[in-house]
Amino acid sequence: MKHSLTITLILLGMFLLTQLIGLGVVASYAPHIEQVVMFNEDNTTTLENITTYNLPYGMDPPQDIEPKSSLLSIIIALVIAIILMILLMRFNAEKFLRIWFFLVVIIALGITLTAALPKFTAASFIAILVALPLAYFKVFKRNILIHNLTEIMIYPGIAAIFVPLVTITTAIVLLILISLYDMYAVWHTGFMQKMARYQIKTLKIFSGFFIPYMNSKDKAGIKKQGGIKKSAKVSVAILGGGDVVFPIILASTVMQQLSFWHGFIVSIGATLALAVLFYMSEKGKFYPAMPFISIGCFLALGIAYLI
């Protein structure tokens, strides 16, 4: 996992930028409470408070959802997604997985782009029109620049869907559970490494930041040979999508329930923790990033409460 200083700074920069965009996107979908007249069966009327987030594409959460039940629902959804991913990998369902990725990318990009556009009726439709070609080139045409550019915009959109479902406490519990799973999947089963290789080599896509690079020794060899050969060794620096989106969920929840600066401090804590992991890591080894990022988030949250 050890990379050059330049690659490390690029990864950290993309990570922090995504965190900050996430705060902005979630802030644009801040909840609004409206009083609605409800007609009863006995011909009387009552006023009820309806909370709306104005998320596009019907992504607003159900009314009066309880954080405990929503946490359980999120965990069940993640477990189902992991099991489905394992089954599809085993049966080599590449076409289905690409379509799955394609649809998720379109919706997530659409949510982020809608937040960036002025508030008007056709904003979400225009966002989809922009998202479609970006998703196509990301999933079906391998382009590193578009891949990482869309990754920066995807996770804020995904976070905006989940933030209304959690409180600070449930977000903390979620990060703890994901961290435990991350450690198990990387250090015990190796599932994360297998899934990353499968995505990169077979699907030709990757859910996370992806930066191919060559070390100075290989570059010098290419110069001597007069061009890149098929045997040229190219390394990759990767950071999984889960490592990016879950700290956004916590930071954004903190922002909504406390203040922007509290959420901002959590994002900074996550970034500093990731920097520590990059510094401590050894070349060629895989590390579960979520435990480090979660600790950084929790320490930063503690500091934010003291300020």
C-alpha atoms as a PDB file:
ATOM      1  CA  MET A   1       0.000   0.000   0.000  1.00  0.00           C
ATOM      2  CA  LYS A   2       3.033   2.270   0.376  1.00  0.00           C
ATOM      3  CA  HIS A   3       3.129   4.746  -2.491  1.00  0.00           C
ATOM      4  CA  SER A   4       5.202   7.709  -3.548  1.00  0.00           C
ATOM      5  CA  LEU A   5       4.576  11.052  -1.863  1.00  0.00           C
ATOM      6  CA  THR A   6       2.913  12.417  -5.012  1.00  0.00           C
ATOM      7  CA  ILE A   7       0.451   9.522  -5.292  1.00  0.00           C
ATOM      8  CA  THR A   8      -0.270   9.697  -1.563  1.00  0.00           C
ATOM      9  CA  LEU A   9      -1.028  13.415  -1.749  1.00  0.00           C
ATOM     10  CA  ILE A  10      -3.296  12.888  -4.770  1.00  0.00           C
ATOM     11  CA  LEU A  11      -5.279  10.195  -2.936  1.00  0.00           C
ATOM     12  CA  LEU A  12      -5.548  12.327   0.194  1.00  0.00           C
ATOM     13  CA  GLY A  13      -6.575  15.339  -1.888  1.00  0.00           C
ATOM     14  CA  MET A  14      -9.339  13.407  -3.669  1.00  0.00           C
ATOM     15  CA  PHE A  15     -10.493  11.939  -0.366  1.00  0.00           C
ATOM     16  CA  LEU A  16     -10.723  15.326   1.367  1.00  0.00           C
ATOM     17  CA  LEU A  17     -12.344  16.973  -1.660  1.00  0.00           C
ATOM     18  CA  THR A  18     -15.005  14.260  -1.734  1.00  0.00           C
ATOM     19  CA  GLN A  19     -15.646  14.726   1.991  1.00  0.00           C
ATOM     20  CA  LEU A  20     -16.162  18.472   1.546  1.00  0.00           C
ATOM     21  CA  ILE A  21     -18.363  18.052  -1.529  1.00  0.00           C
ATOM     22  CA  GLY A  22     -20.346  15.528   0.497  1.00  0.00           C
ATOM     23  CA  LEU A  23     -20.984  18.107   3.205  1.00  0.00           C
ATOM     24  CA  GLY A  24     -22.141  20.585   0.561  1.00  0.00           C
ATOM     25  CA  VAL A  25     -24.443  18.100  -1.192  1.00  0.00           C
ATOM     26  CA  VAL A  26     -26.052  16.917   2.050  1.00  0.00           C
ATOM     27  CA  ALA A  27     -26.472  20.543   3.172  1.00  0.00           C
ATOM     28  CA  SER A  28     -28.351  21.306  -0.045  1.00  0.00           C
ATOM     29  CA  TYR A  29     -30.825  18.538   0.852  1.00  0.00           C
ATOM     30  CA  ALA A  30     -31.364  19.767   4.405  1.00  0.00           C
ATOM     31  CA  PRO A  31     -34.731  18.661   5.821  1.00  0.00           C
ATOM     32  CA  HIS A  32     -37.722  20.975   5.528  1.00  0.00           C
ATOM     33  CA  ILE A  33     -40.725  20.608   7.834  1.00  0.00           C
ATOM     34  CA  GLU A  34     -44.041  21.557   6.299  1.00  0.00           C
ATOM     35  CA  GLN A  35     -47.492  21.537   7.838  1.00  0.00           C
ATOM     36  CA  VAL A  36     -49.958  19.630   5.698  1.00  0.00           C
ATOM     37  CA  VAL A  37     -53.732  19.524   6.127  1.00  0.00           C
ATOM     38  CA  MET A  38     -54.902  15.909   6.498  1.00  0.00           C
ATOM     39  CA  PHE A  39     -58.561  14.979   5.919  1.00  0.00           C
ATOM     40  CA  ASN A  40     -59.889  12.391   8.360  1.00  0.00           C
ATOM     41  CA  GLU A  41     -62.621   9.817   7.798  1.00  0.00           C
ATOM     42  CA  ASP A  42     -65.014  11.731  10.069  1.00  0.00           C
ATOM     43  CA  ASN A  43     -64.754  14.788   7.792  1.00  0.00           C
ATOM     44  CA  THR A  44     -62.499  16.640  10.225  1.00  0.00           C
ATOM     45  CA  THR A  45     -59.056  17.977   9.399  1.00  0.00           C
ATOM     46  CA  THR A  46     -55.781  17.909  11.291  1.00  0.00           C
ATOM     47  CA  LEU A  47     -52.387  19.480  10.725  1.00  0.00           C
ATOM     48  CA  GLU A  48     -49.434  17.129  10.419  1.00  0.00           C
ATOM     49  CA  ASN A  49     -45.739  17.942  10.144  1.00  0.00           C
ATOM     50  CA  ILE A  50     -44.184  16.373   7.054  1.00  0.00           C
ATOM     51  CA  THR A  51     -40.398  16.274   6.729  1.00  0.00           C
ATOM     52  CA  THR A  52     -39.057  16.453   3.175  1.00  0.00           C
ATOM     53  CA  TYR A  53     -35.476  16.413   1.897  1.00  0.00           C
ATOM     54  CA  ASN A  54     -36.295  17.135  -1.751  1.00  0.00           C
ATOM     55  CA  LEU A  55     -34.024  14.331  -2.934  1.00  0.00           C
ATOM     56  CA  PRO A  56     -34.596  13.664  -6.638  1.00  0.00           C
ATOM     57  CA  TYR A  57     -35.716  10.407  -8.258  1.00  0.00           C
ATOM     58  CA  GLY A  58     -37.989   9.457  -5.340  1.00  0.00           C
ATOM     59  CA  MET A  59     -35.094   8.966  -2.919  1.00  0.00           C
ATOM     60  CA  ASP A  60     -36.695  10.748   0.042  1.00  0.00           C
ATOM     61  CA  PRO A  61     -36.882   8.392   3.071  1.00  0.00           C
ATOM     62  CA  PRO A  62     -40.229   7.181   4.434  1.00  0.00           C
ATOM     63  CA  GLN A  63     -41.916   9.438   6.983  1.00  0.00           C
ATOM     64  CA  ASP A  64     -41.368   8.840  10.717  1.00  0.00           C
ATOM     65  CA  ILE A  65     -38.666   6.231  10.216  1.00  0.00           C
ATOM     66  CA  GLU A  66     -36.925   5.238  13.457  1.00  0.00           C
ATOM     67  CA  PRO A  67     -33.085   5.387  13.553  1.00  0.00           C
ATOM     68  CA  LYS A  68     -32.837   1.933  15.181  1.00  0.00           C
ATOM     69  CA  SER A  69     -34.938   0.286  12.487  1.00  0.00           C
ATOM     70  CA  SER A  70     -33.152   2.237   9.748  1.00  0.00           C
ATOM     71  CA  LEU A  71     -29.757   1.089  11.045  1.00  0.00           C
ATOM     72  CA  LEU A  72     -30.947  -2.507  10.908  1.00  0.00           C
ATOM     73  CA  SER A  73     -32.282  -1.929   7.388  1.00  0.00           C
ATOM     74  CA  ILE A  74     -28.945  -0.456   6.256  1.00  0.00           C
ATOM     75  CA  ILE A  75     -27.025  -3.401   7.731  1.00  0.00           C
ATOM     76  CA  ILE A  76     -29.375  -5.921   6.085  1.00  0.00           C
ATOM     77  CA  ALA A  77     -29.049  -4.086   2.746  1.00  0.00           C
ATOM     78  CA  LEU A  78     -25.238  -4.150   3.002  1.00  0.00           C
ATOM     79  CA  VAL A  79     -25.233  -7.860   3.874  1.00  0.00           C
ATOM     80  CA  ILE A  80     -27.509  -8.630   0.914  1.00  0.00           C
ATOM     81  CA  ALA A  81     -25.293  -6.543  -1.396  1.00  0.00           C
ATOM     82  CA  ILE A  82     -22.159  -8.392  -0.238  1.00  0.00           C
ATOM     83  CA  ILE A  83     -23.795 -11.819  -0.655  1.00  0.00           C
ATOM     84  CA  LEU A  84     -25.117 -10.836  -4.086  1.00  0.00           C
ATOM     85  CA  MET A  85     -21.657  -9.597  -5.083  1.00  0.00           C
ATOM     86  CA  ILE A  86     -20.078 -12.904  -4.011  1.00  0.00           C
ATOM     87  CA  LEU A  87     -22.645 -14.930  -5.969  1.00  0.00           C
ATOM     88  CA  LEU A  88     -22.320 -12.812  -9.091  1.00  0.00           C
ATOM     89  CA  MET A  89     -18.515 -13.040  -8.918  1.00  0.00           C
ATOM     90  CA  ARG A  90     -18.730 -16.823  -8.580  1.00  0.00           C
ATOM     91  CA  PHE A  91     -21.065 -17.168 -11.576  1.00  0.00           C
ATOM     92  CA  ASN A  92     -19.091 -14.634 -13.665  1.00  0.00           C
ATOM     93  CA  ALA A  93     -22.110 -12.363 -14.200  1.00  0.00           C
ATOM     94  CA  GLU A  94     -20.019  -9.501 -15.562  1.00  0.00           C
ATOM     95  CA  LYS A  95     -22.758  -8.019 -17.750  1.00  0.00           C
ATOM     96  CA  PHE A  96     -25.235  -7.840 -14.862  1.00  0.00           C
ATOM     97  CA  LEU A  97     -22.619  -6.289 -12.560  1.00  0.00           C
ATOM     98  CA  ARG A  98     -21.709  -3.648 -15.135  1.00  0.00           C
ATOM     99  CA  ILE A  99     -25.395  -2.720 -15.541  1.00  0.00           C
ATOM    100  CA  TRP A 100     -25.747  -2.632 -11.745  1.00  0.00           C
ATOM    101  CA  PHE A 101     -22.752  -0.300 -11.441  1.00  0.00           C
ATOM    102  CA  PHE A 102     -24.041   1.785 -14.347  1.00  0.00           C
ATOM    103  CA  LEU A 103     -27.441   2.396 -12.735  1.00  0.00           C
ATOM    104  CA  VAL A 104     -25.959   3.185  -9.299  1.00  0.00           C
ATOM    105  CA  VAL A 105     -23.491   5.621 -10.857  1.00  0.00           C
ATOM    106  CA  ILE A 106     -26.255   7.419 -12.792  1.00  0.00           C
ATOM    107  CA  ILE A 107     -28.455   7.897  -9.711  1.00  0.00           C
ATOM    108  CA  ALA A 108     -25.589   8.961  -7.425  1.00  0.00           C
ATOM    109  CA  LEU A 109     -24.210  11.400 -10.008  1.00  0.00           C
ATOM    110  CA  GLY A 110     -27.708  12.723 -10.644  1.00  0.00           C
ATOM    111  CA  ILE A 111     -28.223  13.489  -6.952  1.00  0.00           C
ATOM    112  CA  THR A 112     -24.879  15.299  -6.658  1.00  0.00           C
ATOM    113  CA  LEU A 113     -25.303  17.252  -9.892  1.00  0.00           C
ATOM    114  CA  THR A 114     -28.867  18.247  -8.979  1.00  0.00           C
ATOM    115  CA  ALA A 115     -27.527  19.727  -5.743  1.00  0.00           C
ATOM    116  CA  ALA A 116     -25.025  21.781  -7.753  1.00  0.00           C
ATOM    117  CA  LEU A 117     -27.636  23.192 -10.124  1.00  0.00           C
ATOM    118  CA  PRO A 118     -29.977  26.125  -9.389  1.00  0.00           C
ATOM    119  CA  LYS A 119     -33.300  25.018  -7.906  1.00  0.00           C
ATOM    120  CA  PHE A 120     -35.738  24.706 -10.803  1.00  0.00           C
ATOM    121  CA  THR A 121     -38.151  22.037 -12.011  1.00  0.00           C
ATOM    122  CA  ALA A 122     -35.952  20.443 -14.683  1.00  0.00           C
ATOM    123  CA  ALA A 123     -32.741  20.419 -12.605  1.00  0.00           C
ATOM    124  CA  SER A 124     -32.859  16.691 -11.827  1.00  0.00           C
ATOM    125  CA  PHE A 125     -33.626  15.868 -15.483  1.00  0.00           C
ATOM    126  CA  ILE A 126     -30.659  17.934 -16.705  1.00  0.00           C
ATOM    127  CA  ALA A 127     -28.486  16.267 -14.060  1.00  0.00           C
ATOM    128  CA  ILE A 128     -29.416  12.836 -15.435  1.00  0.00           C
ATOM    129  CA  LEU A 129     -28.595  13.944 -18.979  1.00  0.00           C
ATOM    130  CA  VAL A 130     -25.119  14.951 -17.786  1.00  0.00           C
ATOM    131  CA  ALA A 131     -24.733  11.824 -15.663  1.00  0.00           C
ATOM    132  CA  LEU A 132     -25.562   9.378 -18.486  1.00  0.00           C
ATOM    133  CA  PRO A 133     -22.461   9.944 -20.679  1.00  0.00           C
ATOM    134  CA  LEU A 134     -20.226  10.178 -17.596  1.00  0.00           C
ATOM    135  CA  ALA A 135     -21.563   6.838 -16.330  1.00  0.00           C
ATOM    136  CA  TYR A 136     -21.190   5.280 -19.785  1.00  0.00           C
ATOM    137  CA  PHE A 137     -17.535   6.259 -20.158  1.00  0.00           C
ATOM    138  CA  LYS A 138     -16.841   5.242 -16.562  1.00  0.00           C
ATOM    139  CA  VAL A 139     -18.366   1.766 -16.756  1.00  0.00           C
ATOM    140  CA  PHE A 140     -18.024   0.740 -20.406  1.00  0.00           C
ATOM    141  CA  LYS A 141     -15.013   2.788 -21.573  1.00  0.00           C
ATOM    142  CA  ARG A 142     -12.027   2.619 -19.269  1.00  0.00           C
ATOM    143  CA  ASN A 143     -10.816   6.174 -18.674  1.00  0.00           C
ATOM    144  CA  ILE A 144      -8.822   6.954 -15.519  1.00  0.00           C
ATOM    145  CA  LEU A 145      -9.593  10.676 -15.511  1.00  0.00           C
ATOM    146  CA  ILE A 146     -13.365  10.192 -15.847  1.00  0.00           C
ATOM    147  CA  HIS A 147     -13.255   7.314 -13.369  1.00  0.00           C
ATOM    148  CA  ASN A 148     -11.754   9.396 -10.563  1.00  0.00           C
ATOM    149  CA  LEU A 149     -13.731  12.517 -11.455  1.00  0.00           C
ATOM    150  CA  THR A 150     -17.010  10.609 -11.179  1.00  0.00           C
ATOM    151  CA  GLU A 151     -15.874   8.868  -7.976  1.00  0.00           C
ATOM    152  CA  ILE A 152     -15.524  12.293  -6.354  1.00  0.00           C
ATOM    153  CA  MET A 153     -19.164  13.024  -7.253  1.00  0.00           C
ATOM    154  CA  ILE A 154     -20.671   9.572  -6.634  1.00  0.00           C
ATOM    155  CA  TYR A 155     -20.118   9.224  -2.889  1.00  0.00           C
ATOM    156  CA  PRO A 156     -21.694  12.565  -1.896  1.00  0.00           C
ATOM    157  CA  GLY A 157     -24.823  11.453  -3.763  1.00  0.00           C
ATOM    158  CA  ILE A 158     -24.872   8.085  -2.005  1.00  0.00           C
ATOM    159  CA  ALA A 159     -24.302   9.743   1.384  1.00  0.00           C
ATOM    160  CA  ALA A 160     -27.234  12.106   0.773  1.00  0.00           C
ATOM    161  CA  ILE A 161     -29.532   9.053   0.562  1.00  0.00           C
ATOM    162  CA  PHE A 162     -28.329   7.530   3.846  1.00  0.00           C
ATOM    163  CA  VAL A 163     -27.894  10.618   6.057  1.00  0.00           C
ATOM    164  CA  PRO A 164     -31.658  11.135   6.625  1.00  0.00           C
ATOM    165  CA  LEU A 165     -31.832   7.572   7.962  1.00  0.00           C
ATOM    166  CA  VAL A 166     -29.301   7.917  10.784  1.00  0.00           C
ATOM    167  CA  THR A 167     -28.466   9.903  13.895  1.00  0.00           C
ATOM    168  CA  ILE A 168     -24.952  10.610  15.162  1.00  0.00           C
ATOM    169  CA  THR A 169     -25.181   7.573  17.447  1.00  0.00           C
ATOM    170  CA  THR A 170     -26.378   5.201  14.728  1.00  0.00           C
ATOM    171  CA  ALA A 171     -23.750   6.559  12.312  1.00  0.00           C
ATOM    172  CA  ILE A 172     -21.048   5.813  14.912  1.00  0.00           C
ATOM    173  CA  VAL A 173     -22.399   2.277  15.376  1.00  0.00           C
ATOM    174  CA  LEU A 174     -22.459   1.834  11.603  1.00  0.00           C
ATOM    175  CA  LEU A 175     -18.785   2.892  11.307  1.00  0.00           C
ATOM    176  CA  ILE A 176     -17.787   0.496  14.097  1.00  0.00           C
ATOM    177  CA  LEU A 177     -19.565  -2.431  12.418  1.00  0.00           C
ATOM    178  CA  ILE A 178     -18.106  -1.592   9.004  1.00  0.00           C
ATOM    179  CA  SER A 179     -14.631  -1.319  10.550  1.00  0.00           C
ATOM    180  CA  LEU A 180     -14.944  -4.766  12.128  1.00  0.00           C
ATOM    181  CA  TYR A 181     -16.115  -6.216   8.822  1.00  0.00           C
ATOM    182  CA  ASP A 182     -13.277  -4.469   6.970  1.00  0.00           C
ATOM    183  CA  MET A 183     -10.666  -5.996   9.289  1.00  0.00           C
ATOM    184  CA  TYR A 184     -12.211  -9.453   8.902  1.00  0.00           C
ATOM    185  CA  ALA A 185     -12.544  -9.185   5.108  1.00  0.00           C
ATOM    186  CA  VAL A 186      -8.952  -7.949   4.602  1.00  0.00           C
ATOM    187  CA  TRP A 187      -6.932  -9.742   7.271  1.00  0.00           C
ATOM    188  CA  HIS A 188      -8.883 -12.998   7.659  1.00  0.00           C
ATOM    189  CA  THR A 189     -10.709 -13.950   4.450  1.00  0.00           C
ATOM    190  CA  GLY A 190      -8.931 -11.728   1.922  1.00  0.00           C
ATOM    191  CA  PHE A 191     -12.332 -11.021   0.328  1.00  0.00           C
ATOM    192  CA  MET A 192     -11.598  -7.327  -0.180  1.00  0.00           C
ATOM    193  CA  GLN A 193      -8.419  -8.110  -2.127  1.00  0.00           C
ATOM    194  CA  LYS A 194     -10.251 -10.702  -4.248  1.00  0.00           C
ATOM    195  CA  MET A 195     -13.106  -8.289  -4.977  1.00  0.00           C
ATOM    196  CA  ALA A 196     -10.687  -5.480  -5.915  1.00  0.00           C
ATOM    197  CA  ARG A 197      -8.762  -7.756  -8.309  1.00  0.00           C
ATOM    198  CA  TYR A 198     -12.014  -9.060  -9.795  1.00  0.00           C
ATOM    199  CA  GLN A 199     -13.320  -5.547 -10.415  1.00  0.00           C
ATOM    200  CA  ILE A 200     -10.066  -4.274 -11.920  1.00  0.00           C
ATOM    201  CA  LYS A 201      -9.102  -7.307 -14.035  1.00  0.00           C
ATOM    202  CA  THR A 202     -12.472  -8.804 -14.990  1.00  0.00           C
ATOM    203  CA  LEU A 203     -15.071  -6.039 -14.801  1.00  0.00           C
ATOM    204  CA  LYS A 204     -12.574  -3.335 -15.872  1.00  0.00           C
ATOM    205  CA  ILE A 205     -14.154  -1.016 -13.297  1.00  0.00           C
ATOM    206  CA  PHE A 206     -13.438  -0.287  -9.646  1.00  0.00           C
ATOM    207  CA  SER A 207     -15.610   1.191  -6.897  1.00  0.00           C
ATOM    208  CA  GLY A 208     -13.090   3.584  -5.405  1.00  0.00           C
ATOM    209  CA  PHE A 209     -10.175   5.806  -6.300  1.00  0.00           C
ATOM    210  CA  PHE A 210      -7.810   4.166  -8.772  1.00  0.00           C
ATOM    211  CA  ILE A 211      -4.431   5.598  -9.816  1.00  0.00           C
ATOM    212  CA  PRO A 212      -2.009   3.550 -11.982  1.00  0.00           C
ATOM    213  CA  TYR A 213       1.621   4.608 -11.764  1.00  0.00           C
ATOM    214  CA  MET A 214       5.197   3.418 -12.396  1.00  0.00           C
ATOM    215  CA  ASN A 215       8.149   3.744 -10.072  1.00  0.00           C
ATOM    216  CA  SER A 216      11.330   5.551 -11.093  1.00  0.00           C
ATOM    217  CA  LYS A 217      13.196   2.303 -11.816  1.00  0.00           C
ATOM    218  CA  ASP A 218      10.581   1.107 -14.312  1.00  0.00           C
ATOM    219  CA  LYS A 219      10.397   4.552 -15.924  1.00  0.00           C
ATOM    220  CA  ALA A 220      14.171   4.541 -16.399  1.00  0.00           C
ATOM    221  CA  GLY A 221      13.943   1.097 -18.018  1.00  0.00           C
ATOM    222  CA  ILE A 222      11.307   2.346 -20.463  1.00  0.00           C
ATOM    223  CA  LYS A 223      13.500   5.255 -21.506  1.00  0.00           C
ATOM    224  CA  LYS A 224      16.358   2.851 -22.236  1.00  0.00           C
ATOM    225  CA  GLN A 225      14.065   0.542 -24.231  1.00  0.00           C
ATOM    226  CA  GLY A 226      12.654   3.446 -26.208  1.00  0.00           C
ATOM    227  CA  GLY A 227       8.996   2.866 -25.277  1.00  0.00           C
ATOM    228  CA  ILE A 228       6.567   0.883 -23.126  1.00  0.00           C
ATOM    229  CA  LYS A 229       6.787  -2.878 -23.529  1.00  0.00           C
ATOM    230  CA  LYS A 230       4.092  -5.420 -22.723  1.00  0.00           C
ATOM    231  CA  SER A 231       6.198  -6.607 -19.779  1.00  0.00           C
ATOM    232  CA  ALA A 232       6.363  -3.140 -18.217  1.00  0.00           C
ATOM    233  CA  LYS A 233       5.213  -3.251 -14.593  1.00  0.00           C
ATOM    234  CA  VAL A 234       2.468  -0.807 -13.628  1.00  0.00           C
ATOM    235  CA  SER A 235       1.459  -0.419  -9.974  1.00  0.00           C
ATOM    236  CA  VAL A 236      -1.905   0.866  -8.783  1.00  0.00           C
ATOM    237  CA  ALA A 237      -2.899   2.971  -5.802  1.00  0.00           C
ATOM    238  CA  ILE A 238      -6.481   2.246  -4.701  1.00  0.00           C
ATOM    239  CA  LEU A 239      -8.858   3.382  -1.988  1.00  0.00           C
ATOM    240  CA  GLY A 240     -12.186   1.595  -1.711  1.00  0.00           C
ATOM    241  CA  GLY A 241     -15.473   3.423  -2.052  1.00  0.00           C
ATOM    242  CA  GLY A 242     -16.690   2.360   1.390  1.00  0.00           C
ATOM    243  CA  ASP A 243     -13.643   4.037   2.922  1.00  0.00           C
ATOM    244  CA  VAL A 244     -14.814   7.276   1.315  1.00  0.00           C
ATOM    245  CA  VAL A 245     -18.588   7.248   1.761  1.00  0.00           C
ATOM    246  CA  PHE A 246     -18.968   6.150   5.401  1.00  0.00           C
ATOM    247  CA  PRO A 247     -16.995   9.062   6.894  1.00  0.00           C
ATOM    248  CA  ILE A 248     -19.120  11.405   4.735  1.00  0.00           C
ATOM    249  CA  ILE A 249     -22.236   9.914   6.310  1.00  0.00           C
ATOM    250  CA  LEU A 250     -20.951  10.537   9.845  1.00  0.00           C
ATOM    251  CA  ALA A 251     -19.577  14.027   9.095  1.00  0.00           C
ATOM    252  CA  SER A 252     -22.786  15.069   7.312  1.00  0.00           C
ATOM    253  CA  THR A 253     -24.978  13.744  10.121  1.00  0.00           C
ATOM    254  CA  VAL A 254     -22.863  15.692  12.623  1.00  0.00           C
ATOM    255  CA  MET A 255     -23.190  18.779  10.409  1.00  0.00           C
ATOM    256  CA  GLN A 256     -26.987  18.524  10.275  1.00  0.00           C
ATOM    257  CA  GLN A 257     -27.444  17.881  13.979  1.00  0.00           C
ATOM    258  CA  LEU A 258     -24.737  20.256  15.277  1.00  0.00           C
ATOM    259  CA  SER A 259     -23.109  22.645  12.774  1.00  0.00           C
ATOM    260  CA  PHE A 260     -21.094  22.753   9.562  1.00  0.00           C
ATOM    261  CA  TRP A 261     -17.836  23.250  11.464  1.00  0.00           C
ATOM    262  CA  HIS A 262     -18.441  20.193  13.641  1.00  0.00           C
ATOM    263  CA  GLY A 263     -18.898  18.114  10.480  1.00  0.00           C
ATOM    264  CA  PHE A 264     -15.878  19.757   8.867  1.00  0.00           C
ATOM    265  CA  ILE A 265     -13.693  18.791  11.842  1.00  0.00           C
ATOM    266  CA  VAL A 266     -14.835  15.165  11.489  1.00  0.00           C
ATOM    267  CA  SER A 267     -13.865  15.219   7.785  1.00  0.00           C
ATOM    268  CA  ILE A 268     -10.430  16.609   8.666  1.00  0.00           C
ATOM    269  CA  GLY A 269     -10.010  13.891  11.303  1.00  0.00           C
ATOM    270  CA  ALA A 270     -10.843  11.201   8.744  1.00  0.00           C
ATOM    271  CA  THR A 271      -8.307  12.651   6.282  1.00  0.00           C
ATOM    272  CA  LEU A 272      -5.529  12.888   8.885  1.00  0.00           C
ATOM    273  CA  ALA A 273      -6.190   9.295   9.973  1.00  0.00           C
ATOM    274  CA  LEU A 274      -5.923   8.138   6.357  1.00  0.00           C
ATOM    275  CA  ALA A 275      -2.639  10.056   6.040  1.00  0.00           C
ATOM    276  CA  VAL A 276      -1.311   8.226   9.117  1.00  0.00           C
ATOM    277  CA  LEU A 277      -2.296   4.884   7.563  1.00  0.00           C
ATOM    278  CA  PHE A 278      -0.479   5.737   4.331  1.00  0.00           C
ATOM    279  CA  TYR A 279       2.603   6.733   6.327  1.00  0.00           C
ATOM    280  CA  MET A 280       2.619   3.556   8.434  1.00  0.00           C
ATOM    281  CA  SER A 281       1.776   1.107   5.637  1.00  0.00           C
ATOM    282  CA  GLU A 282       4.278  -1.188   3.967  1.00  0.00           C
ATOM    283  CA  LYS A 283       4.601  -1.620   0.214  1.00  0.00           C
ATOM    284  CA  GLY A 284       2.731  -4.568  -1.266  1.00  0.00           C
ATOM    285  CA  LYS A 285       0.458  -5.110   1.747  1.00  0.00           C
ATOM    286  CA  PHE A 286      -3.294  -4.576   1.984  1.00  0.00           C
ATOM    287  CA  TYR A 287      -4.730  -2.746   4.961  1.00  0.00           C
ATOM    288  CA  PRO A 288      -8.317  -2.225   6.138  1.00  0.00           C
ATOM    289  CA  ALA A 289      -8.678   1.558   5.987  1.00  0.00           C
ATOM    290  CA  MET A 290     -12.001   1.868   7.814  1.00  0.00           C
ATOM    291  CA  PRO A 291     -10.693   1.148  11.347  1.00  0.00           C
ATOM    292  CA  PHE A 292      -8.093   3.918  10.998  1.00  0.00           C
ATOM    293  CA  ILE A 293     -10.557   6.339   9.393  1.00  0.00           C
ATOM    294  CA  SER A 294     -13.204   5.579  12.025  1.00  0.00           C
ATOM    295  CA  ILE A 295     -10.771   6.248  14.876  1.00  0.00           C
ATOM    296  CA  GLY A 296      -9.851   9.543  13.231  1.00  0.00           C
ATOM    297  CA  CYS A 297     -13.542  10.448  12.905  1.00  0.00           C
ATOM    298  CA  PHE A 298     -14.283   9.591  16.537  1.00  0.00           C
ATOM    299  CA  LEU A 299     -11.289  11.533  17.888  1.00  0.00           C
ATOM    300  CA  ALA A 300     -12.223  14.519  15.738  1.00  0.00           C
ATOM    301  CA  LEU A 301     -15.847  14.304  16.901  1.00  0.00           C
ATOM    302  CA  GLY A 302     -14.653  14.323  20.510  1.00  0.00           C
ATOM    303  CA  ILE A 303     -12.567  17.439  19.801  1.00  0.00           C
ATOM    304  CA  ALA A 304     -15.504  19.067  18.004  1.00  0.00           C
ATOM    305  CA  TYR A 305     -17.721  18.557  21.063  1.00  0.00           C
ATOM    306  CA  LEU A 306     -15.111  20.276  23.245  1.00  0.00           C
ATOM    307  CA  ILE A 307     -14.865  23.363  20.996  1.00  0.00           C
END
